[in-house]
Amino acid sequence: MIGLTARRCARLVIALALVARPILAETLNTPECGSALNDASRLVRGVRERQMHFSRYDPAENCRLLRENLDDLVAARGPLDRCPTGEEHTKDLGQIDAAIEQIRAQLVGNCRR
């Protein structure tokens, strides 16, 4: 993989699994949050599914996957910041922010726009 080792990939998938947890935790009970969190959950699932498609033999495809993952995580972050109210909110937001920064670093280090 293009600088994305199996260990880093696994850590990212674990972090994303933890980020998805607030969707089931305490949330603001509004229709807007319900809809936004459903969308965020779908986006995070998409990122987790794409993680399985990285290949050490196709750097261009890996860059495409990284860009899609970044777009989806950035889109999911808003509802994950606005709607969850449980005590894990700050920790989970830190994990999604770390995943976003890790992807950005991979894109800068390995991909051309």
PDB file of N, CA and C in Angstrom:
ATOM      1  N   MET A   1       0.834  -1.174   0.000  1.00  0.00           N
ATOM      2  CA  MET A   1       0.000   0.000   0.000  1.00  0.00           C
ATOM      3  C   MET A   1       0.877   1.234   0.000  1.00  0.00           C
ATOM      4  N   ILE A   2       0.339   2.289  -0.480  1.00  0.00           N
ATOM      5  CA  ILE A   2       1.089   3.526  -0.593  1.00  0.00           C
ATOM      6  C   ILE A   2       1.285   4.157   0.773  1.00  0.00           C
ATOM      7  N   GLY A   3       2.281   3.714   1.490  1.00  0.00           N
ATOM      8  CA  GLY A   3       2.563   4.303   2.776  1.00  0.00           C
ATOM      9  C   GLY A   3       1.524   3.983   3.842  1.00  0.00           C
ATOM     10  N   LEU A   4       0.483   3.296   3.497  1.00  0.00           N
ATOM     11  CA  LEU A   4      -0.559   2.941   4.455  1.00  0.00           C
ATOM     12  C   LEU A   4      -0.336   1.489   4.818  1.00  0.00           C
ATOM     13  N   THR A   5       0.423   1.279   5.866  1.00  0.00           N
ATOM     14  CA  THR A   5       0.763  -0.080   6.266  1.00  0.00           C
ATOM     15  C   THR A   5      -0.474  -0.802   6.778  1.00  0.00           C
ATOM     16  N   ALA A   6      -0.380  -2.116   6.864  1.00  0.00           N
ATOM     17  CA  ALA A   6      -1.501  -2.905   7.371  1.00  0.00           C
ATOM     18  C   ALA A   6      -1.843  -2.479   8.794  1.00  0.00           C
ATOM     19  N   ARG A   7      -0.829  -2.169   9.590  1.00  0.00           N
ATOM     20  CA  ARG A   7      -1.074  -1.741  10.975  1.00  0.00           C
ATOM     21  C   ARG A   7      -1.824  -0.420  11.010  1.00  0.00           C
ATOM     22  N   ARG A   8      -1.397   0.544  10.199  1.00  0.00           N
ATOM     23  CA  ARG A   8      -2.091   1.835  10.161  1.00  0.00           C
ATOM     24  C   ARG A   8      -3.518   1.668   9.665  1.00  0.00           C
ATOM     25  N   CYS A   9      -3.679   0.850   8.652  1.00  0.00           N
ATOM     26  CA  CYS A   9      -5.009   0.588   8.110  1.00  0.00           C
ATOM     27  C   CYS A   9      -5.900  -0.024   9.186  1.00  0.00           C
ATOM     28  N   ALA A  10      -5.376  -0.986   9.934  1.00  0.00           N
ATOM     29  CA  ALA A  10      -6.157  -1.630  10.994  1.00  0.00           C
ATOM     30  C   ALA A  10      -6.518  -0.629  12.079  1.00  0.00           C
ATOM     31  N   ARG A  11      -5.575   0.250  12.453  1.00  0.00           N
ATOM     32  CA  ARG A  11      -5.866   1.258  13.472  1.00  0.00           C
ATOM     33  C   ARG A  11      -6.964   2.203  13.000  1.00  0.00           C
ATOM     34  N   LEU A  12      -6.918   2.560  11.722  1.00  0.00           N
ATOM     35  CA  LEU A  12      -7.928   3.445  11.183  1.00  0.00           C
ATOM     36  C   LEU A  12      -9.299   2.777  11.205  1.00  0.00           C
ATOM     37  N   VAL A  13      -9.366   1.514  10.840  1.00  0.00           N
ATOM     38  CA  VAL A  13     -10.638   0.790  10.858  1.00  0.00           C
ATOM     39  C   VAL A  13     -11.166   0.695  12.288  1.00  0.00           C
ATOM     40  N   ILE A  14     -10.298   0.424  13.250  1.00  0.00           N
ATOM     41  CA  ILE A  14     -10.722   0.349  14.660  1.00  0.00           C
ATOM     42  C   ILE A  14     -11.229   1.717  15.121  1.00  0.00           C
ATOM     43  N   ALA A  15     -10.508   2.760  14.770  1.00  0.00           N
ATOM     44  CA  ALA A  15     -10.943   4.103  15.164  1.00  0.00           C
ATOM     45  C   ALA A  15     -12.304   4.422  14.564  1.00  0.00           C
ATOM     46  N   LEU A  16     -12.502   4.032  13.320  1.00  0.00           N
ATOM     47  CA  LEU A  16     -13.787   4.305  12.680  1.00  0.00           C
ATOM     48  C   LEU A  16     -14.909   3.499  13.308  1.00  0.00           C
ATOM     49  N   ALA A  17     -14.613   2.296  13.723  1.00  0.00           N
ATOM     50  CA  ALA A  17     -15.634   1.496  14.408  1.00  0.00           C
ATOM     51  C   ALA A  17     -16.029   2.175  15.713  1.00  0.00           C
ATOM     52  N   LEU A  18     -15.058   2.739  16.415  1.00  0.00           N
ATOM     53  CA  LEU A  18     -15.358   3.437  17.660  1.00  0.00           C
ATOM     54  C   LEU A  18     -16.141   4.713  17.404  1.00  0.00           C
ATOM     55  N   VAL A  19     -15.836   5.388  16.318  1.00  0.00           N
ATOM     56  CA  VAL A  19     -16.540   6.619  15.988  1.00  0.00           C
ATOM     57  C   VAL A  19     -18.009   6.330  15.690  1.00  0.00           C
ATOM     58  N   ALA A  20     -18.297   5.209  15.087  1.00  0.00           N
ATOM     59  CA  ALA A  20     -19.681   4.879  14.751  1.00  0.00           C
ATOM     60  C   ALA A  20     -20.514   4.637  16.004  1.00  0.00           C
ATOM     61  N   ARG A  21     -19.887   4.299  17.107  1.00  0.00           N
ATOM     62  CA  ARG A  21     -20.598   3.989  18.349  1.00  0.00           C
ATOM     63  C   ARG A  21     -21.485   5.126  18.837  1.00  0.00           C
ATOM     64  N   PRO A  22     -21.096   6.422  18.747  1.00  0.00           N
ATOM     65  CA  PRO A  22     -21.966   7.464  19.285  1.00  0.00           C
ATOM     66  C   PRO A  22     -23.324   7.515  18.616  1.00  0.00           C
ATOM     67  N   ILE A  23     -23.406   6.985  17.421  1.00  0.00           N
ATOM     68  CA  ILE A  23     -24.670   7.002  16.723  1.00  0.00           C
ATOM     69  C   ILE A  23     -25.705   6.218  17.525  1.00  0.00           C
ATOM     70  N   LEU A  24     -25.242   5.255  18.312  1.00  0.00           N
ATOM     71  CA  LEU A  24     -26.133   4.483  19.156  1.00  0.00           C
ATOM     72  C   LEU A  24     -26.195   5.021  20.578  1.00  0.00           C
ATOM     73  N   ALA A  25     -25.307   5.963  20.920  1.00  0.00           N
ATOM     74  CA  ALA A  25     -25.249   6.515  22.269  1.00  0.00           C
ATOM     75  C   ALA A  25     -26.294   7.621  22.416  1.00  0.00           C
ATOM     76  N   GLU A  26     -26.201   8.342  23.511  1.00  0.00           N
ATOM     77  CA  GLU A  26     -27.127   9.440  23.739  1.00  0.00           C
ATOM     78  C   GLU A  26     -26.982  10.476  22.636  1.00  0.00           C
ATOM     79  N   THR A  27     -28.116  10.906  22.091  1.00  0.00           N
ATOM     80  CA  THR A  27     -28.100  11.916  21.041  1.00  0.00           C
ATOM     81  C   THR A  27     -29.229  12.901  21.289  1.00  0.00           C
ATOM     82  N   LEU A  28     -29.121  14.055  20.663  1.00  0.00           N
ATOM     83  CA  LEU A  28     -30.223  15.007  20.699  1.00  0.00           C
ATOM     84  C   LEU A  28     -31.400  14.353  19.995  1.00  0.00           C
ATOM     85  N   ASN A  29     -32.529  14.393  20.621  1.00  0.00           N
ATOM     86  CA  ASN A  29     -33.702  13.693  20.098  1.00  0.00           C
ATOM     87  C   ASN A  29     -34.499  14.616  19.184  1.00  0.00           C
ATOM     88  N   THR A  30     -33.944  14.866  18.004  1.00  0.00           N
ATOM     89  CA  THR A  30     -34.639  15.683  17.012  1.00  0.00           C
ATOM     90  C   THR A  30     -34.656  14.927  15.694  1.00  0.00           C
ATOM     91  N   PRO A  31     -35.650  15.184  14.860  1.00  0.00           N
ATOM     92  CA  PRO A  31     -35.675  14.524  13.547  1.00  0.00           C
ATOM     93  C   PRO A  31     -34.433  14.852  12.716  1.00  0.00           C
ATOM     94  N   GLU A  32     -33.949  16.096  12.850  1.00  0.00           N
ATOM     95  CA  GLU A  32     -32.773  16.497  12.084  1.00  0.00           C
ATOM     96  C   GLU A  32     -31.557  15.665  12.477  1.00  0.00           C
ATOM     97  N   CYS A  33     -31.367  15.477  13.802  1.00  0.00           N
ATOM     98  CA  CYS A  33     -30.225  14.684  14.260  1.00  0.00           C
ATOM     99  C   CYS A  33     -30.399  13.220  13.871  1.00  0.00           C
ATOM    100  N   GLY A  34     -31.605  12.712  13.979  1.00  0.00           N
ATOM    101  CA  GLY A  34     -31.829  11.324  13.589  1.00  0.00           C
ATOM    102  C   GLY A  34     -31.436  11.087  12.146  1.00  0.00           C
ATOM    103  N   SER A  35     -31.870  11.966  11.272  1.00  0.00           N
ATOM    104  CA  SER A  35     -31.544  11.845   9.846  1.00  0.00           C
ATOM    105  C   SER A  35     -30.049  12.052   9.600  1.00  0.00           C
ATOM    106  N   ALA A  36     -29.475  13.076  10.244  1.00  0.00           N
ATOM    107  CA  ALA A  36     -28.052  13.370  10.052  1.00  0.00           C
ATOM    108  C   ALA A  36     -27.179  12.227  10.552  1.00  0.00           C
ATOM    109  N   LEU A  37     -27.546  11.631  11.690  1.00  0.00           N
ATOM    110  CA  LEU A  37     -26.750  10.521  12.221  1.00  0.00           C
ATOM    111  C   LEU A  37     -26.890   9.266  11.369  1.00  0.00           C
ATOM    112  N   ASN A  38     -28.050   9.050  10.781  1.00  0.00           N
ATOM    113  CA  ASN A  38     -28.191   7.933   9.839  1.00  0.00           C
ATOM    114  C   ASN A  38     -27.261   8.134   8.646  1.00  0.00           C
ATOM    115  N   ASP A  39     -27.211   9.363   8.136  1.00  0.00           N
ATOM    116  CA  ASP A  39     -26.307   9.661   7.023  1.00  0.00           C
ATOM    117  C   ASP A  39     -24.854   9.477   7.432  1.00  0.00           C
ATOM    118  N   ALA A  40     -24.494   9.967   8.628  1.00  0.00           N
ATOM    119  CA  ALA A  40     -23.120   9.832   9.114  1.00  0.00           C
ATOM    120  C   ALA A  40     -22.746   8.364   9.278  1.00  0.00           C
ATOM    121  N   SER A  41     -23.657   7.588   9.788  1.00  0.00           N
ATOM    122  CA  SER A  41     -23.411   6.156   9.963  1.00  0.00           C
ATOM    123  C   SER A  41     -23.153   5.484   8.611  1.00  0.00           C
ATOM    124  N   ARG A  42     -23.945   5.842   7.623  1.00  0.00           N
ATOM    125  CA  ARG A  42     -23.760   5.291   6.277  1.00  0.00           C
ATOM    126  C   ARG A  42     -22.394   5.677   5.713  1.00  0.00           C
ATOM    127  N   LEU A  43     -21.994   6.921   5.919  1.00  0.00           N
ATOM    128  CA  LEU A  43     -20.695   7.386   5.423  1.00  0.00           C
ATOM    129  C   LEU A  43     -19.548   6.647   6.101  1.00  0.00           C
ATOM    130  N   VAL A  44     -19.616   6.479   7.417  1.00  0.00           N
ATOM    131  CA  VAL A  44     -18.552   5.793   8.151  1.00  0.00           C
ATOM    132  C   VAL A  44     -18.494   4.324   7.740  1.00  0.00           C
ATOM    133  N   ARG A  45     -19.649   3.702   7.537  1.00  0.00           N
ATOM    134  CA  ARG A  45     -19.654   2.305   7.041  1.00  0.00           C
ATOM    135  C   ARG A  45     -18.968   2.215   5.688  1.00  0.00           C
ATOM    136  N   GLY A  46     -19.216   3.200   4.819  1.00  0.00           N
ATOM    137  CA  GLY A  46     -18.572   3.218   3.507  1.00  0.00           C
ATOM    138  C   GLY A  46     -17.064   3.291   3.618  1.00  0.00           C
ATOM    139  N   VAL A  47     -16.577   4.113   4.552  1.00  0.00           N
ATOM    140  CA  VAL A  47     -15.129   4.228   4.772  1.00  0.00           C
ATOM    141  C   VAL A  47     -14.575   2.886   5.236  1.00  0.00           C
ATOM    142  N   ARG A  48     -15.236   2.276   6.193  1.00  0.00           N
ATOM    143  CA  ARG A  48     -14.761   0.976   6.708  1.00  0.00           C
ATOM    144  C   ARG A  48     -14.742  -0.065   5.595  1.00  0.00           C
ATOM    145  N   GLU A  49     -15.752  -0.066   4.749  1.00  0.00           N
ATOM    146  CA  GLU A  49     -15.795  -1.036   3.650  1.00  0.00           C
ATOM    147  C   GLU A  49     -14.680  -0.782   2.635  1.00  0.00           C
ATOM    148  N   ARG A  50     -14.417   0.486   2.339  1.00  0.00           N
ATOM    149  CA  ARG A  50     -13.351   0.797   1.376  1.00  0.00           C
ATOM    150  C   ARG A  50     -11.979   0.412   1.895  1.00  0.00           C
ATOM    151  N   GLN A  51     -11.787   0.422   3.207  1.00  0.00           N
ATOM    152  CA  GLN A  51     -10.484   0.067   3.771  1.00  0.00           C
ATOM    153  C   GLN A  51     -10.036  -1.329   3.317  1.00  0.00           C
ATOM    154  N   MET A  52     -10.970  -2.186   3.032  1.00  0.00           N
ATOM    155  CA  MET A  52     -10.637  -3.557   2.622  1.00  0.00           C
ATOM    156  C   MET A  52     -10.158  -3.633   1.169  1.00  0.00           C
ATOM    157  N   HIS A  53     -10.263  -2.538   0.434  1.00  0.00           N
ATOM    158  CA  HIS A  53      -9.922  -2.557  -0.989  1.00  0.00           C
ATOM    159  C   HIS A  53      -8.560  -1.955  -1.313  1.00  0.00           C
ATOM    160  N   PHE A  54      -7.810  -1.538  -0.292  1.00  0.00           N
ATOM    161  CA  PHE A  54      -6.471  -1.015  -0.548  1.00  0.00           C
ATOM    162  C   PHE A  54      -5.563  -2.151  -1.001  1.00  0.00           C
ATOM    163  N   SER A  55      -4.644  -1.806  -1.913  1.00  0.00           N
ATOM    164  CA  SER A  55      -3.738  -2.807  -2.462  1.00  0.00           C
ATOM    165  C   SER A  55      -2.342  -2.217  -2.597  1.00  0.00           C
ATOM    166  N   ARG A  56      -1.341  -3.013  -2.303  1.00  0.00           N
ATOM    167  CA  ARG A  56       0.029  -2.512  -2.475  1.00  0.00           C
ATOM    168  C   ARG A  56       0.389  -2.405  -3.948  1.00  0.00           C
ATOM    169  N   TYR A  57      -0.442  -2.959  -4.828  1.00  0.00           N
ATOM    170  CA  TYR A  57      -0.111  -3.003  -6.249  1.00  0.00           C
ATOM    171  C   TYR A  57      -0.811  -1.930  -7.083  1.00  0.00           C
ATOM    172  N   ASP A  58      -1.647  -1.099  -6.465  1.00  0.00           N
ATOM    173  CA  ASP A  58      -2.393  -0.111  -7.241  1.00  0.00           C
ATOM    174  C   ASP A  58      -2.436   1.239  -6.515  1.00  0.00           C
ATOM    175  N   PRO A  59      -1.327   1.982  -6.562  1.00  0.00           N
ATOM    176  CA  PRO A  59      -1.271   3.261  -5.851  1.00  0.00           C
ATOM    177  C   PRO A  59      -2.336   4.258  -6.307  1.00  0.00           C
ATOM    178  N   ALA A  60      -2.661   4.283  -7.588  1.00  0.00           N
ATOM    179  CA  ALA A  60      -3.675   5.229  -8.075  1.00  0.00           C
ATOM    180  C   ALA A  60      -5.039   4.918  -7.458  1.00  0.00           C
ATOM    181  N   GLU A  61      -5.384   3.666  -7.376  1.00  0.00           N
ATOM    182  CA  GLU A  61      -6.652   3.267  -6.762  1.00  0.00           C
ATOM    183  C   GLU A  61      -6.636   3.599  -5.271  1.00  0.00           C
ATOM    184  N   ASN A  62      -5.517   3.383  -4.618  1.00  0.00           N
ATOM    185  CA  ASN A  62      -5.410   3.711  -3.197  1.00  0.00           C
ATOM    186  C   ASN A  62      -5.639   5.205  -2.960  1.00  0.00           C
ATOM    187  N   CYS A  63      -5.087   6.039  -3.834  1.00  0.00           N
ATOM    188  CA  CYS A  63      -5.289   7.481  -3.702  1.00  0.00           C
ATOM    189  C   CYS A  63      -6.765   7.838  -3.900  1.00  0.00           C
ATOM    190  N   ARG A  64      -7.405   7.209  -4.840  1.00  0.00           N
ATOM    191  CA  ARG A  64      -8.837   7.446  -5.059  1.00  0.00           C
ATOM    192  C   ARG A  64      -9.633   7.062  -3.809  1.00  0.00           C
ATOM    193  N   LEU A  65      -9.301   5.899  -3.240  1.00  0.00           N
ATOM    194  CA  LEU A  65      -9.994   5.438  -2.034  1.00  0.00           C
ATOM    195  C   LEU A  65      -9.753   6.384  -0.861  1.00  0.00           C
ATOM    196  N   LEU A  66      -8.516   6.860  -0.722  1.00  0.00           N
ATOM    197  CA  LEU A  66      -8.212   7.808   0.349  1.00  0.00           C
ATOM    198  C   LEU A  66      -9.026   9.093   0.200  1.00  0.00           C
ATOM    199  N   ARG A  67      -9.127   9.595  -1.024  1.00  0.00           N
ATOM    200  CA  ARG A  67      -9.908  10.819  -1.259  1.00  0.00           C
ATOM    201  C   ARG A  67     -11.381  10.605  -0.918  1.00  0.00           C
ATOM    202  N   GLU A  68     -11.929   9.471  -1.315  1.00  0.00           N
ATOM    203  CA  GLU A  68     -13.326   9.171  -0.980  1.00  0.00           C
ATOM    204  C   GLU A  68     -13.504   9.060   0.531  1.00  0.00           C
ATOM    205  N   ASN A  69     -12.558   8.385   1.185  1.00  0.00           N
ATOM    206  CA  ASN A  69     -12.638   8.246   2.637  1.00  0.00           C
ATOM    207  C   ASN A  69     -12.587   9.612   3.317  1.00  0.00           C
ATOM    208  N   LEU A  70     -11.695  10.467   2.857  1.00  0.00           N
ATOM    209  CA  LEU A  70     -11.584  11.803   3.441  1.00  0.00           C
ATOM    210  C   LEU A  70     -12.888  12.572   3.270  1.00  0.00           C
ATOM    211  N   ASP A  71     -13.431  12.569   2.061  1.00  0.00           N
ATOM    212  CA  ASP A  71     -14.689  13.280   1.813  1.00  0.00           C
ATOM    213  C   ASP A  71     -15.796  12.780   2.739  1.00  0.00           C
ATOM    214  N   ASP A  72     -15.900  11.465   2.879  1.00  0.00           N
ATOM    215  CA  ASP A  72     -16.969  10.901   3.703  1.00  0.00           C
ATOM    216  C   ASP A  72     -16.767  11.194   5.188  1.00  0.00           C
ATOM    217  N   LEU A  73     -15.527  11.120   5.661  1.00  0.00           N
ATOM    218  CA  LEU A  73     -15.288  11.410   7.084  1.00  0.00           C
ATOM    219  C   LEU A  73     -15.542  12.878   7.409  1.00  0.00           C
ATOM    220  N   VAL A  74     -15.144  13.762   6.521  1.00  0.00           N
ATOM    221  CA  VAL A  74     -15.390  15.192   6.745  1.00  0.00           C
ATOM    222  C   VAL A  74     -16.899  15.449   6.766  1.00  0.00           C
ATOM    223  N   ALA A  75     -17.635  14.804   5.861  1.00  0.00           N
ATOM    224  CA  ALA A  75     -19.085  14.968   5.840  1.00  0.00           C
ATOM    225  C   ALA A  75     -19.747  14.382   7.084  1.00  0.00           C
ATOM    226  N   ALA A  76     -19.217  13.274   7.588  1.00  0.00           N
ATOM    227  CA  ALA A  76     -19.797  12.622   8.774  1.00  0.00           C
ATOM    228  C   ALA A  76     -19.459  13.373  10.058  1.00  0.00           C
ATOM    229  N   ARG A  77     -18.384  14.133  10.061  1.00  0.00           N
ATOM    230  CA  ARG A  77     -17.927  14.778  11.292  1.00  0.00           C
ATOM    231  C   ARG A  77     -18.950  15.765  11.851  1.00  0.00           C
ATOM    232  N   GLY A  78     -19.574  16.543  10.994  1.00  0.00           N
ATOM    233  CA  GLY A  78     -20.536  17.554  11.451  1.00  0.00           C
ATOM    234  C   GLY A  78     -21.640  16.972  12.331  1.00  0.00           C
ATOM    235  N   PRO A  79     -22.394  15.999  11.823  1.00  0.00           N
ATOM    236  CA  PRO A  79     -23.436  15.405  12.658  1.00  0.00           C
ATOM    237  C   PRO A  79     -22.879  14.707  13.896  1.00  0.00           C
ATOM    238  N   LEU A  80     -21.694  14.128  13.782  1.00  0.00           N
ATOM    239  CA  LEU A  80     -21.099  13.461  14.941  1.00  0.00           C
ATOM    240  C   LEU A  80     -20.642  14.467  15.989  1.00  0.00           C
ATOM    241  N   ASP A  81     -20.445  15.704  15.590  1.00  0.00           N
ATOM    242  CA  ASP A  81     -20.117  16.753  16.550  1.00  0.00           C
ATOM    243  C   ASP A  81     -21.387  17.365  17.137  1.00  0.00           C
ATOM    244  N   ARG A  82     -22.382  17.589  16.295  1.00  0.00           N
ATOM    245  CA  ARG A  82     -23.605  18.279  16.704  1.00  0.00           C
ATOM    246  C   ARG A  82     -24.546  17.446  17.557  1.00  0.00           C
ATOM    247  N   CYS A  83     -24.734  16.191  17.211  1.00  0.00           N
ATOM    248  CA  CYS A  83     -25.856  15.440  17.764  1.00  0.00           C
ATOM    249  C   CYS A  83     -25.570  14.557  18.986  1.00  0.00           C
ATOM    250  N   PRO A  84     -24.481  13.834  19.055  1.00  0.00           N
ATOM    251  CA  PRO A  84     -24.257  13.017  20.255  1.00  0.00           C
ATOM    252  C   PRO A  84     -24.065  13.887  21.496  1.00  0.00           C
ATOM    253  N   THR A  85     -24.582  13.412  22.615  1.00  0.00           N
ATOM    254  CA  THR A  85     -24.480  14.171  23.858  1.00  0.00           C
ATOM    255  C   THR A  85     -23.831  13.367  24.978  1.00  0.00           C
ATOM    256  N   GLY A  86     -23.500  12.126  24.744  1.00  0.00           N
ATOM    257  CA  GLY A  86     -22.938  11.265  25.782  1.00  0.00           C
ATOM    258  C   GLY A  86     -21.518  11.655  26.155  1.00  0.00           C
ATOM    259  N   GLU A  87     -21.009  11.037  27.201  1.00  0.00           N
ATOM    260  CA  GLU A  87     -19.681  11.380  27.719  1.00  0.00           C
ATOM    261  C   GLU A  87     -18.552  10.991  26.768  1.00  0.00           C
ATOM    262  N   GLU A  88     -18.805  10.100  25.831  1.00  0.00           N
ATOM    263  CA  GLU A  88     -17.772   9.681  24.883  1.00  0.00           C
ATOM    264  C   GLU A  88     -17.628  10.645  23.702  1.00  0.00           C
ATOM    265  N   HIS A  89     -18.472  11.683  23.656  1.00  0.00           N
ATOM    266  CA  HIS A  89     -18.510  12.599  22.511  1.00  0.00           C
ATOM    267  C   HIS A  89     -17.136  13.164  22.162  1.00  0.00           C
ATOM    268  N   THR A  90     -16.425  13.727  23.138  1.00  0.00           N
ATOM    269  CA  THR A  90     -15.127  14.359  22.885  1.00  0.00           C
ATOM    270  C   THR A  90     -14.099  13.337  22.423  1.00  0.00           C
ATOM    271  N   LYS A  91     -14.076  12.183  23.059  1.00  0.00           N
ATOM    272  CA  LYS A  91     -13.129  11.129  22.681  1.00  0.00           C
ATOM    273  C   LYS A  91     -13.380  10.667  21.246  1.00  0.00           C
ATOM    274  N   ASP A  92     -14.637  10.448  20.918  1.00  0.00           N
ATOM    275  CA  ASP A  92     -14.966   9.976  19.577  1.00  0.00           C
ATOM    276  C   ASP A  92     -14.656  11.020  18.516  1.00  0.00           C
ATOM    277  N   LEU A  93     -14.903  12.286  18.845  1.00  0.00           N
ATOM    278  CA  LEU A  93     -14.561  13.349  17.900  1.00  0.00           C
ATOM    279  C   LEU A  93     -13.057  13.422  17.687  1.00  0.00           C
ATOM    280  N   GLY A  94     -12.298  13.216  18.750  1.00  0.00           N
ATOM    281  CA  GLY A  94     -10.843  13.182  18.620  1.00  0.00           C
ATOM    282  C   GLY A  94     -10.394  12.059  17.699  1.00  0.00           C
ATOM    283  N   GLN A  95     -11.066  10.924  17.773  1.00  0.00           N
ATOM    284  CA  GLN A  95     -10.706   9.794  16.921  1.00  0.00           C
ATOM    285  C   GLN A  95     -11.028  10.079  15.459  1.00  0.00           C
ATOM    286  N   ILE A  96     -12.179  10.684  15.197  1.00  0.00           N
ATOM    287  CA  ILE A  96     -12.501  10.984  13.804  1.00  0.00           C
ATOM    288  C   ILE A  96     -11.566  12.066  13.273  1.00  0.00           C
ATOM    289  N   ASP A  97     -11.219  13.047  14.108  1.00  0.00           N
ATOM    290  CA  ASP A  97     -10.268  14.075  13.674  1.00  0.00           C
ATOM    291  C   ASP A  97      -8.895  13.467  13.380  1.00  0.00           C
ATOM    292  N   ALA A  98      -8.468  12.527  14.207  1.00  0.00           N
ATOM    293  CA  ALA A  98      -7.185  11.855  13.979  1.00  0.00           C
ATOM    294  C   ALA A  98      -7.219  11.058  12.677  1.00  0.00           C
ATOM    295  N   ALA A  99      -8.337  10.395  12.410  1.00  0.00           N
ATOM    296  CA  ALA A  99      -8.461   9.630  11.158  1.00  0.00           C
ATOM    297  C   ALA A  99      -8.410  10.566   9.955  1.00  0.00           C
ATOM    298  N   ILE A 100      -9.085  11.719  10.062  1.00  0.00           N
ATOM    299  CA  ILE A 100      -9.064  12.701   8.972  1.00  0.00           C
ATOM    300  C   ILE A 100      -7.637  13.198   8.740  1.00  0.00           C
ATOM    301  N   GLU A 101      -6.929  13.522   9.805  1.00  0.00           N
ATOM    302  CA  GLU A 101      -5.552  14.005   9.662  1.00  0.00           C
ATOM    303  C   GLU A 101      -4.627  12.926   9.111  1.00  0.00           C
ATOM    304  N   GLN A 102      -4.835  11.691   9.517  1.00  0.00           N
ATOM    305  CA  GLN A 102      -4.017  10.587   9.002  1.00  0.00           C
ATOM    306  C   GLN A 102      -4.231  10.426   7.491  1.00  0.00           C
ATOM    307  N   ILE A 103      -5.460  10.521   7.054  1.00  0.00           N
ATOM    308  CA  ILE A 103      -5.738  10.410   5.619  1.00  0.00           C
ATOM    309  C   ILE A 103      -5.124  11.587   4.878  1.00  0.00           C
ATOM    310  N   ARG A 104      -5.263  12.790   5.417  1.00  0.00           N
ATOM    311  CA  ARG A 104      -4.662  13.964   4.764  1.00  0.00           C
ATOM    312  C   ARG A 104      -3.150  13.801   4.627  1.00  0.00           C
ATOM    313  N   ALA A 105      -2.512  13.291   5.658  1.00  0.00           N
ATOM    314  CA  ALA A 105      -1.065  13.064   5.610  1.00  0.00           C
ATOM    315  C   ALA A 105      -0.712  12.034   4.539  1.00  0.00           C
ATOM    316  N   GLN A 106      -1.510  10.980   4.435  1.00  0.00           N
ATOM    317  CA  GLN A 106      -1.266   9.976   3.404  1.00  0.00           C
ATOM    318  C   GLN A 106      -1.422  10.567   2.012  1.00  0.00           C
ATOM    319  N   LEU A 107      -2.419  11.405   1.824  1.00  0.00           N
ATOM    320  CA  LEU A 107      -2.634  12.037   0.524  1.00  0.00           C
ATOM    321  C   LEU A 107      -1.469  12.954   0.167  1.00  0.00           C
ATOM    322  N   VAL A 108      -1.024  13.763   1.111  1.00  0.00           N
ATOM    323  CA  VAL A 108       0.100  14.671   0.853  1.00  0.00           C
ATOM    324  C   VAL A 108       1.370  13.884   0.555  1.00  0.00           C
ATOM    325  N   GLY A 109       1.604  12.828   1.297  1.00  0.00           N
ATOM    326  CA  GLY A 109       2.836  12.067   1.147  1.00  0.00           C
ATOM    327  C   GLY A 109       2.859  11.125  -0.047  1.00  0.00           C
ATOM    328  N   ASN A 110       1.690  10.741  -0.541  1.00  0.00           N
ATOM    329  CA  ASN A 110       1.671   9.670  -1.536  1.00  0.00           C
ATOM    330  C   ASN A 110       0.861   9.929  -2.798  1.00  0.00           C
ATOM    331  N   CYS A 111       0.069  10.972  -2.820  1.00  0.00           N
ATOM    332  CA  CYS A 111      -0.858  11.157  -3.953  1.00  0.00           C
ATOM    333  C   CYS A 111      -0.715  12.539  -4.564  1.00  0.00           C
ATOM    334  N   ARG A 112      -0.901  12.575  -5.847  1.00  0.00           N
ATOM    335  CA  ARG A 112      -0.928  13.848  -6.573  1.00  0.00           C
ATOM    336  C   ARG A 112      -2.369  14.149  -6.908  1.00  0.00           C
ATOM    337  N   ARG A 113      -2.711  15.386  -6.898  1.00  0.00           N
ATOM    338  CA  ARG A 113      -4.085  15.782  -7.229  1.00  0.00           C
ATOM    339  C   ARG A 113      -4.192  16.006  -8.699  1.00  0.00           C
TER     340      ARG A 113
END
